[in-house]
Amino acid sequence: MRPAPPEARPRRVVVTVRGIATPEGPGRAHVSRPPRAHGAVVLSHGAGGSLGAPWPLDLVVAREVLVAAGWAFVFVEQPWMVAGRRIAGRPATLDAAWVPIVDALMRGRGKLPRPLVVGGRSAGARVACRTAATTGADAALLLSFPLHPPGRPEKSRADELALAPDPTWVVQGARDPFGTPEEVGPRLPPGATLLEVPGVHSFPVGSRAALIAALESVTSGLEGMLLAGAPLHRAWSSHRRGHPQGPPD
């Protein structure tokens, strides 16, 4: 039997789980890395409950679509979740854990490639925005960004959303009580794209096809970002100057 051509052969994705020390206790990173990854997408969870099994649908679809498109995908468990607590700590403690986790993933032996896309769902999206400058993020993927607590639009978190890097993609449920697309849209920072998906703050199984379409739109945008090469963090720009033929492995 004739072997399949290289483009038809399935990618061998290496899946690892890594514990990472932080000032708030150990965190955990679930890494899915295809060969010659274009870059890294690092996402985290919301502020309540347990990761458990299965993962939230939007994170499942994000992993499937991004890895299939050639991006390394990392799901980060914050220390409070690793410790078995059911409710997150204060925002400052989440930020204090997130920054060293991302830093550890991007340095040393086995470091993930740039560009770096940060984000998460709900509270994880807020953390990624607040720390984007510190982590040197090139882009962001925000799932169900909680613009305000349910029924309290006056408690806006638009100041956090404004810190998201350019480009950013926001995937928002059509009836999200934490902020509908109609509410989030006018608050988007420059370079941000809003993608509306049927659902509320968490997405039902019936939203899977729409989530796939939204995440495929994100991968198309990321491909355009790679081809353009700007505006990106200085670490990625430096790499491109040294390797002008294409993205890093």
C-alpha atoms as a PDB file:
ATOM      1  CA  MET A   1       0.000   0.000   0.000  1.00  0.00           C
ATOM      2  CA  ARG A   2       1.342   3.416  -0.950  1.00  0.00           C
ATOM      3  CA  PRO A   3       1.905   5.707   2.105  1.00  0.00           C
ATOM      4  CA  ALA A   4      -0.311   8.737   2.472  1.00  0.00           C
ATOM      5  CA  PRO A   5       1.216  12.050   1.363  1.00  0.00           C
ATOM      6  CA  PRO A   6       2.603  14.181   4.222  1.00  0.00           C
ATOM      7  CA  GLU A   7      -0.302  16.629   4.138  1.00  0.00           C
ATOM      8  CA  ALA A   8      -2.789  13.748   4.603  1.00  0.00           C
ATOM      9  CA  ARG A   9      -1.051  12.213   7.600  1.00  0.00           C
ATOM     10  CA  PRO A  10      -2.564  13.043  10.993  1.00  0.00           C
ATOM     11  CA  ARG A  11      -0.538  15.304  13.250  1.00  0.00           C
ATOM     12  CA  ARG A  12       0.982  13.591  16.244  1.00  0.00           C
ATOM     13  CA  VAL A  13      -0.098  15.733  19.179  1.00  0.00           C
ATOM     14  CA  VAL A  14       2.012  15.407  22.320  1.00  0.00           C
ATOM     15  CA  VAL A  15      -0.148  15.759  25.453  1.00  0.00           C
ATOM     16  CA  THR A  16       1.509  16.447  28.812  1.00  0.00           C
ATOM     17  CA  VAL A  17       0.437  17.656  32.246  1.00  0.00           C
ATOM     18  CA  ARG A  18       2.834  19.921  34.103  1.00  0.00           C
ATOM     19  CA  GLY A  19       2.778  21.203  37.665  1.00  0.00           C
ATOM     20  CA  ILE A  20       4.057  24.777  38.065  1.00  0.00           C
ATOM     21  CA  ALA A  21       4.909  26.508  41.343  1.00  0.00           C
ATOM     22  CA  THR A  22       3.366  29.922  42.033  1.00  0.00           C
ATOM     23  CA  PRO A  23       3.189  32.249  45.067  1.00  0.00           C
ATOM     24  CA  GLU A  24      -0.382  30.977  45.564  1.00  0.00           C
ATOM     25  CA  GLY A  25       0.532  27.286  45.484  1.00  0.00           C
ATOM     26  CA  PRO A  26       1.034  24.819  42.632  1.00  0.00           C
ATOM     27  CA  GLY A  27      -0.891  25.299  39.429  1.00  0.00           C
ATOM     28  CA  ARG A  28      -1.314  22.767  36.646  1.00  0.00           C
ATOM     29  CA  ALA A  29      -0.952  23.073  32.875  1.00  0.00           C
ATOM     30  CA  HIS A  30      -2.504  20.612  30.409  1.00  0.00           C
ATOM     31  CA  VAL A  31      -0.430  21.005  27.236  1.00  0.00           C
ATOM     32  CA  SER A  32      -1.450  19.734  23.783  1.00  0.00           C
ATOM     33  CA  ARG A  33       1.360  20.372  21.320  1.00  0.00           C
ATOM     34  CA  PRO A  34       1.310  19.462  17.618  1.00  0.00           C
ATOM     35  CA  PRO A  35       4.603  19.270  15.723  1.00  0.00           C
ATOM     36  CA  ARG A  36       6.004  22.571  14.491  1.00  0.00           C
ATOM     37  CA  ALA A  37       3.325  24.538  16.321  1.00  0.00           C
ATOM     38  CA  HIS A  38       2.628  28.016  14.916  1.00  0.00           C
ATOM     39  CA  GLY A  39       2.392  29.525  18.400  1.00  0.00           C
ATOM     40  CA  ALA A  40       0.780  28.953  21.796  1.00  0.00           C
ATOM     41  CA  VAL A  41      -2.745  29.552  23.105  1.00  0.00           C
ATOM     42  CA  VAL A  42      -2.916  29.522  26.924  1.00  0.00           C
ATOM     43  CA  LEU A  43      -6.392  29.589  28.489  1.00  0.00           C
ATOM     44  CA  SER A  44      -7.803  29.232  32.000  1.00  0.00           C
ATOM     45  CA  HIS A  45     -11.152  28.527  33.647  1.00  0.00           C
ATOM     46  CA  GLY A  46     -13.817  30.514  35.461  1.00  0.00           C
ATOM     47  CA  ALA A  47     -14.195  31.387  39.129  1.00  0.00           C
ATOM     48  CA  GLY A  48     -16.463  28.642  40.449  1.00  0.00           C
ATOM     49  CA  GLY A  49     -17.009  24.909  40.535  1.00  0.00           C
ATOM     50  CA  SER A  50     -14.564  22.249  39.451  1.00  0.00           C
ATOM     51  CA  LEU A  51     -12.987  21.414  36.103  1.00  0.00           C
ATOM     52  CA  GLY A  52     -14.065  17.815  36.413  1.00  0.00           C
ATOM     53  CA  ALA A  53     -14.991  15.863  33.305  1.00  0.00           C
ATOM     54  CA  PRO A  54     -16.003  16.747  30.725  1.00  0.00           C
ATOM     55  CA  TRP A  55     -14.395  20.157  30.281  1.00  0.00           C
ATOM     56  CA  PRO A  56     -16.687  23.112  29.496  1.00  0.00           C
ATOM     57  CA  LEU A  57     -17.787  22.886  25.867  1.00  0.00           C
ATOM     58  CA  ASP A  58     -16.128  26.110  24.724  1.00  0.00           C
ATOM     59  CA  LEU A  59     -12.736  24.974  26.057  1.00  0.00           C
ATOM     60  CA  VAL A  60     -13.175  21.544  24.446  1.00  0.00           C
ATOM     61  CA  VAL A  61     -13.965  23.096  21.072  1.00  0.00           C
ATOM     62  CA  ALA A  62     -11.144  25.629  21.417  1.00  0.00           C
ATOM     63  CA  ARG A  63      -8.650  22.824  21.974  1.00  0.00           C
ATOM     64  CA  GLU A  64      -9.977  20.747  19.062  1.00  0.00           C
ATOM     65  CA  VAL A  65     -10.009  23.593  16.552  1.00  0.00           C
ATOM     66  CA  LEU A  66      -6.753  25.284  17.564  1.00  0.00           C
ATOM     67  CA  VAL A  67      -4.691  22.096  17.773  1.00  0.00           C
ATOM     68  CA  ALA A  68      -6.076  20.943  14.415  1.00  0.00           C
ATOM     69  CA  ALA A  69      -4.965  24.301  12.989  1.00  0.00           C
ATOM     70  CA  GLY A  70      -1.420  23.737  14.287  1.00  0.00           C
ATOM     71  CA  TRP A  71      -1.399  25.730  17.520  1.00  0.00           C
ATOM     72  CA  ALA A  72      -0.096  24.503  20.860  1.00  0.00           C
ATOM     73  CA  PHE A  73      -2.983  24.628  23.332  1.00  0.00           C
ATOM     74  CA  VAL A  74      -2.648  24.883  27.107  1.00  0.00           C
ATOM     75  CA  PHE A  75      -5.411  24.692  29.677  1.00  0.00           C
ATOM     76  CA  VAL A  76      -4.282  26.119  33.018  1.00  0.00           C
ATOM     77  CA  GLU A  77      -5.767  25.101  36.356  1.00  0.00           C
ATOM     78  CA  GLN A  78      -5.319  27.839  38.932  1.00  0.00           C
ATOM     79  CA  PRO A  79      -3.842  26.794  42.332  1.00  0.00           C
ATOM     80  CA  TRP A  80      -7.194  27.133  44.084  1.00  0.00           C
ATOM     81  CA  MET A  81      -8.671  24.522  41.745  1.00  0.00           C
ATOM     82  CA  VAL A  82      -5.664  22.217  42.052  1.00  0.00           C
ATOM     83  CA  ALA A  83      -6.090  22.419  45.843  1.00  0.00           C
ATOM     84  CA  GLY A  84      -9.713  21.278  45.552  1.00  0.00           C
ATOM     85  CA  ARG A  85     -11.368  24.521  46.581  1.00  0.00           C
ATOM     86  CA  ARG A  86     -14.640  25.321  44.838  1.00  0.00           C
ATOM     87  CA  ILE A  87     -14.475  29.116  44.762  1.00  0.00           C
ATOM     88  CA  ALA A  88     -11.664  31.292  43.437  1.00  0.00           C
ATOM     89  CA  GLY A  89      -9.713  33.745  45.538  1.00  0.00           C
ATOM     90  CA  ARG A  90      -9.464  37.489  45.060  1.00  0.00           C
ATOM     91  CA  PRO A  91      -8.475  38.808  41.615  1.00  0.00           C
ATOM     92  CA  ALA A  92      -5.012  39.783  42.832  1.00  0.00           C
ATOM     93  CA  THR A  93      -4.293  36.184  43.867  1.00  0.00           C
ATOM     94  CA  LEU A  94      -5.425  34.872  40.487  1.00  0.00           C
ATOM     95  CA  ASP A  95      -3.132  37.319  38.701  1.00  0.00           C
ATOM     96  CA  ALA A  96      -0.242  36.446  41.010  1.00  0.00           C
ATOM     97  CA  ALA A  97      -0.565  32.763  40.068  1.00  0.00           C
ATOM     98  CA  TRP A  98      -1.256  33.242  36.362  1.00  0.00           C
ATOM     99  CA  VAL A  99       1.802  35.346  35.522  1.00  0.00           C
ATOM    100  CA  PRO A 100       4.467  32.855  36.707  1.00  0.00           C
ATOM    101  CA  ILE A 101       2.580  29.973  35.088  1.00  0.00           C
ATOM    102  CA  VAL A 102       2.612  31.673  31.700  1.00  0.00           C
ATOM    103  CA  ASP A 103       6.226  32.710  32.208  1.00  0.00           C
ATOM    104  CA  ALA A 104       7.256  29.124  33.010  1.00  0.00           C
ATOM    105  CA  LEU A 105       5.498  27.830  29.896  1.00  0.00           C
ATOM    106  CA  MET A 106       7.318  30.312  27.652  1.00  0.00           C
ATOM    107  CA  ARG A 107      10.843  29.775  29.046  1.00  0.00           C
ATOM    108  CA  GLY A 108      13.420  27.029  29.452  1.00  0.00           C
ATOM    109  CA  ARG A 109      13.593  23.571  27.967  1.00  0.00           C
ATOM    110  CA  GLY A 110      10.454  22.688  26.071  1.00  0.00           C
ATOM    111  CA  LYS A 111       9.248  26.287  26.029  1.00  0.00           C
ATOM    112  CA  LEU A 112       6.200  27.016  23.928  1.00  0.00           C
ATOM    113  CA  PRO A 113       6.586  28.956  20.675  1.00  0.00           C
ATOM    114  CA  ARG A 114       5.434  32.489  20.063  1.00  0.00           C
ATOM    115  CA  PRO A 115       3.230  34.250  19.262  1.00  0.00           C
ATOM    116  CA  LEU A 116       1.476  33.936  22.606  1.00  0.00           C
ATOM    117  CA  VAL A 117      -2.329  34.072  22.767  1.00  0.00           C
ATOM    118  CA  VAL A 118      -3.710  34.347  26.308  1.00  0.00           C
ATOM    119  CA  GLY A 119      -7.258  34.096  27.558  1.00  0.00           C
ATOM    120  CA  GLY A 120      -9.833  31.871  29.156  1.00  0.00           C
ATOM    121  CA  ARG A 121     -13.480  31.696  29.969  1.00  0.00           C
ATOM    122  CA  SER A 122     -15.237  34.110  32.335  1.00  0.00           C
ATOM    123  CA  ALA A 123     -12.912  34.972  35.241  1.00  0.00           C
ATOM    124  CA  GLY A 124     -10.015  33.444  33.314  1.00  0.00           C
ATOM    125  CA  ALA A 125     -10.631  35.968  30.539  1.00  0.00           C
ATOM    126  CA  ARG A 126     -10.492  38.800  33.085  1.00  0.00           C
ATOM    127  CA  VAL A 127      -7.178  37.554  34.457  1.00  0.00           C
ATOM    128  CA  ALA A 128      -5.708  37.356  30.959  1.00  0.00           C
ATOM    129  CA  CYS A 129      -6.733  40.942  30.199  1.00  0.00           C
ATOM    130  CA  ARG A 130      -5.420  42.388  33.473  1.00  0.00           C
ATOM    131  CA  THR A 131      -2.032  40.720  33.012  1.00  0.00           C
ATOM    132  CA  ALA A 132      -1.652  40.918  29.221  1.00  0.00           C
ATOM    133  CA  ALA A 133       1.072  43.559  29.353  1.00  0.00           C
ATOM    134  CA  THR A 134       2.987  41.661  32.053  1.00  0.00           C
ATOM    135  CA  THR A 135       2.873  38.314  30.226  1.00  0.00           C
ATOM    136  CA  GLY A 136       3.833  39.929  26.926  1.00  0.00           C
ATOM    137  CA  ALA A 137       0.741  38.595  25.186  1.00  0.00           C
ATOM    138  CA  ASP A 138       0.523  39.011  21.419  1.00  0.00           C
ATOM    139  CA  ALA A 139      -3.233  38.366  21.243  1.00  0.00           C
ATOM    140  CA  ALA A 140      -6.176  37.192  23.358  1.00  0.00           C
ATOM    141  CA  LEU A 141      -9.076  34.760  23.133  1.00  0.00           C
ATOM    142  CA  LEU A 142     -11.833  35.626  25.612  1.00  0.00           C
ATOM    143  CA  LEU A 143     -14.698  33.156  26.127  1.00  0.00           C
ATOM    144  CA  SER A 144     -17.831  34.521  27.840  1.00  0.00           C
ATOM    145  CA  PHE A 145     -16.192  37.702  29.090  1.00  0.00           C
ATOM    146  CA  PRO A 146     -18.132  38.739  32.252  1.00  0.00           C
ATOM    147  CA  LEU A 147     -18.658  42.421  31.542  1.00  0.00           C
ATOM    148  CA  HIS A 148     -20.745  42.820  34.706  1.00  0.00           C
ATOM    149  CA  PRO A 149     -22.425  40.667  37.392  1.00  0.00           C
ATOM    150  CA  PRO A 150     -25.903  39.458  36.357  1.00  0.00           C
ATOM    151  CA  GLY A 151     -28.481  42.218  36.710  1.00  0.00           C
ATOM    152  CA  ARG A 152     -25.860  44.821  37.720  1.00  0.00           C
ATOM    153  CA  PRO A 153     -24.668  46.573  34.564  1.00  0.00           C
ATOM    154  CA  GLU A 154     -23.446  49.495  36.669  1.00  0.00           C
ATOM    155  CA  LYS A 155     -20.651  47.239  37.998  1.00  0.00           C
ATOM    156  CA  SER A 156     -18.850  47.283  34.670  1.00  0.00           C
ATOM    157  CA  ARG A 157     -15.515  45.561  34.069  1.00  0.00           C
ATOM    158  CA  ALA A 158     -14.961  47.423  30.820  1.00  0.00           C
ATOM    159  CA  ASP A 159     -11.724  48.804  32.281  1.00  0.00           C
ATOM    160  CA  GLU A 160     -10.330  45.255  32.333  1.00  0.00           C
ATOM    161  CA  LEU A 161     -11.537  44.475  28.822  1.00  0.00           C
ATOM    162  CA  ALA A 162      -9.778  47.634  27.643  1.00  0.00           C
ATOM    163  CA  LEU A 163      -6.444  46.053  28.640  1.00  0.00           C
ATOM    164  CA  ALA A 164      -6.803  43.221  26.099  1.00  0.00           C
ATOM    165  CA  PRO A 165      -4.079  43.177  23.425  1.00  0.00           C
ATOM    166  CA  ASP A 166      -4.583  43.882  19.749  1.00  0.00           C
ATOM    167  CA  PRO A 167      -5.805  41.563  18.263  1.00  0.00           C
ATOM    168  CA  THR A 168      -8.405  40.017  20.564  1.00  0.00           C
ATOM    169  CA  TRP A 169     -11.358  37.734  19.853  1.00  0.00           C
ATOM    170  CA  VAL A 170     -14.378  37.635  22.199  1.00  0.00           C
ATOM    171  CA  VAL A 171     -16.762  34.672  21.939  1.00  0.00           C
ATOM    172  CA  GLN A 172     -19.990  35.653  23.713  1.00  0.00           C
ATOM    173  CA  GLY A 173     -23.303  33.892  24.339  1.00  0.00           C
ATOM    174  CA  ALA A 174     -26.290  35.625  22.746  1.00  0.00           C
ATOM    175  CA  ARG A 175     -28.162  35.713  26.077  1.00  0.00           C
ATOM    176  CA  ASP A 176     -25.248  35.886  28.509  1.00  0.00           C
ATOM    177  CA  PRO A 177     -26.514  37.501  31.749  1.00  0.00           C
ATOM    178  CA  PHE A 178     -22.947  38.659  32.446  1.00  0.00           C
ATOM    179  CA  GLY A 179     -23.057  40.761  29.277  1.00  0.00           C
ATOM    180  CA  THR A 180     -24.838  40.202  25.982  1.00  0.00           C
ATOM    181  CA  PRO A 181     -23.083  40.850  22.667  1.00  0.00           C
ATOM    182  CA  GLU A 182     -25.085  44.079  22.444  1.00  0.00           C
ATOM    183  CA  GLU A 183     -23.561  45.195  25.755  1.00  0.00           C
ATOM    184  CA  VAL A 184     -20.028  43.953  25.083  1.00  0.00           C
ATOM    185  CA  GLY A 185     -19.750  45.287  21.530  1.00  0.00           C
ATOM    186  CA  PRO A 186     -19.537  49.002  22.368  1.00  0.00           C
ATOM    187  CA  ARG A 187     -16.916  48.244  25.043  1.00  0.00           C
ATOM    188  CA  LEU A 188     -14.490  46.394  22.791  1.00  0.00           C
ATOM    189  CA  PRO A 189     -10.959  47.812  22.645  1.00  0.00           C
ATOM    190  CA  PRO A 190      -9.259  48.574  19.319  1.00  0.00           C
ATOM    191  CA  GLY A 191      -8.392  45.438  17.378  1.00  0.00           C
ATOM    192  CA  ALA A 192     -11.047  43.271  19.070  1.00  0.00           C
ATOM    193  CA  THR A 193     -13.558  41.098  17.207  1.00  0.00           C
ATOM    194  CA  LEU A 194     -16.869  39.963  18.734  1.00  0.00           C
ATOM    195  CA  LEU A 195     -18.237  36.525  17.788  1.00  0.00           C
ATOM    196  CA  GLU A 196     -21.799  35.777  18.921  1.00  0.00           C
ATOM    197  CA  VAL A 197     -22.781  32.178  19.691  1.00  0.00           C
ATOM    198  CA  PRO A 198     -26.194  30.825  20.820  1.00  0.00           C
ATOM    199  CA  GLY A 199     -26.257  30.270  24.574  1.00  0.00           C
ATOM    200  CA  VAL A 200     -25.884  32.003  27.904  1.00  0.00           C
ATOM    201  CA  HIS A 201     -22.737  32.202  30.062  1.00  0.00           C
ATOM    202  CA  SER A 202     -22.073  28.497  29.516  1.00  0.00           C
ATOM    203  CA  PHE A 203     -22.738  26.936  26.156  1.00  0.00           C
ATOM    204  CA  PRO A 204     -25.132  23.995  25.617  1.00  0.00           C
ATOM    205  CA  VAL A 205     -24.289  21.018  23.428  1.00  0.00           C
ATOM    206  CA  GLY A 206     -26.497  22.521  20.749  1.00  0.00           C
ATOM    207  CA  SER A 207     -24.044  25.425  20.410  1.00  0.00           C
ATOM    208  CA  ARG A 208     -21.191  23.146  19.345  1.00  0.00           C
ATOM    209  CA  ALA A 209     -21.459  23.854  15.618  1.00  0.00           C
ATOM    210  CA  ALA A 210     -21.609  27.598  16.228  1.00  0.00           C
ATOM    211  CA  LEU A 211     -18.611  27.385  18.571  1.00  0.00           C
ATOM    212  CA  ILE A 212     -16.641  25.490  15.935  1.00  0.00           C
ATOM    213  CA  ALA A 213     -17.462  28.183  13.376  1.00  0.00           C
ATOM    214  CA  ALA A 214     -16.445  30.931  15.819  1.00  0.00           C
ATOM    215  CA  LEU A 215     -13.144  29.252  16.699  1.00  0.00           C
ATOM    216  CA  GLU A 216     -12.393  28.596  13.036  1.00  0.00           C
ATOM    217  CA  SER A 217     -12.868  32.320  12.495  1.00  0.00           C
ATOM    218  CA  VAL A 218     -10.332  32.903  15.271  1.00  0.00           C
ATOM    219  CA  THR A 219      -7.808  30.556  13.638  1.00  0.00           C
ATOM    220  CA  SER A 220      -8.245  32.431  10.356  1.00  0.00           C
ATOM    221  CA  GLY A 221      -7.515  35.668  12.190  1.00  0.00           C
ATOM    222  CA  LEU A 222      -4.466  34.128  13.826  1.00  0.00           C
ATOM    223  CA  GLU A 223      -3.204  32.971  10.446  1.00  0.00           C
ATOM    224  CA  GLY A 224      -3.541  36.522   9.198  1.00  0.00           C
ATOM    225  CA  MET A 225      -1.634  37.730  12.255  1.00  0.00           C
ATOM    226  CA  LEU A 226       1.208  35.321  11.463  1.00  0.00           C
ATOM    227  CA  LEU A 227       1.390  36.484   7.865  1.00  0.00           C
ATOM    228  CA  ALA A 228       1.335  40.149   8.840  1.00  0.00           C
ATOM    229  CA  GLY A 229       3.814  39.738  11.705  1.00  0.00           C
ATOM    230  CA  ALA A 230       2.540  42.871  13.489  1.00  0.00           C
ATOM    231  CA  PRO A 231       1.505  44.324  15.845  1.00  0.00           C
ATOM    232  CA  LEU A 232       3.183  41.723  18.045  1.00  0.00           C
ATOM    233  CA  HIS A 233       5.228  41.531  21.217  1.00  0.00           C
ATOM    234  CA  ARG A 234       8.918  42.367  20.859  1.00  0.00           C
ATOM    235  CA  ALA A 235       9.961  38.749  21.556  1.00  0.00           C
ATOM    236  CA  TRP A 236       8.010  37.562  18.508  1.00  0.00           C
ATOM    237  CA  SER A 237       9.210  40.480  16.380  1.00  0.00           C
ATOM    238  CA  SER A 238      12.823  39.665  17.292  1.00  0.00           C
ATOM    239  CA  HIS A 239      12.285  36.040  16.325  1.00  0.00           C
ATOM    240  CA  ARG A 240      10.896  37.064  12.939  1.00  0.00           C
ATOM    241  CA  ARG A 241      13.918  39.274  12.239  1.00  0.00           C
ATOM    242  CA  GLY A 242      16.141  36.256  12.835  1.00  0.00           C
ATOM    243  CA  HIS A 243      13.869  33.848  10.904  1.00  0.00           C
ATOM    244  CA  PRO A 244      12.248  35.830   8.081  1.00  0.00           C
ATOM    245  CA  GLN A 245      10.989  32.759   6.231  1.00  0.00           C
ATOM    246  CA  GLY A 246       8.088  31.998   8.562  1.00  0.00           C
ATOM    247  CA  PRO A 247       6.768  31.418  12.089  1.00  0.00           C
ATOM    248  CA  PRO A 248       8.814  29.661  14.765  1.00  0.00           C
ATOM    249  CA  ASP A 249       8.623  25.908  15.315  1.00  0.00           C
END
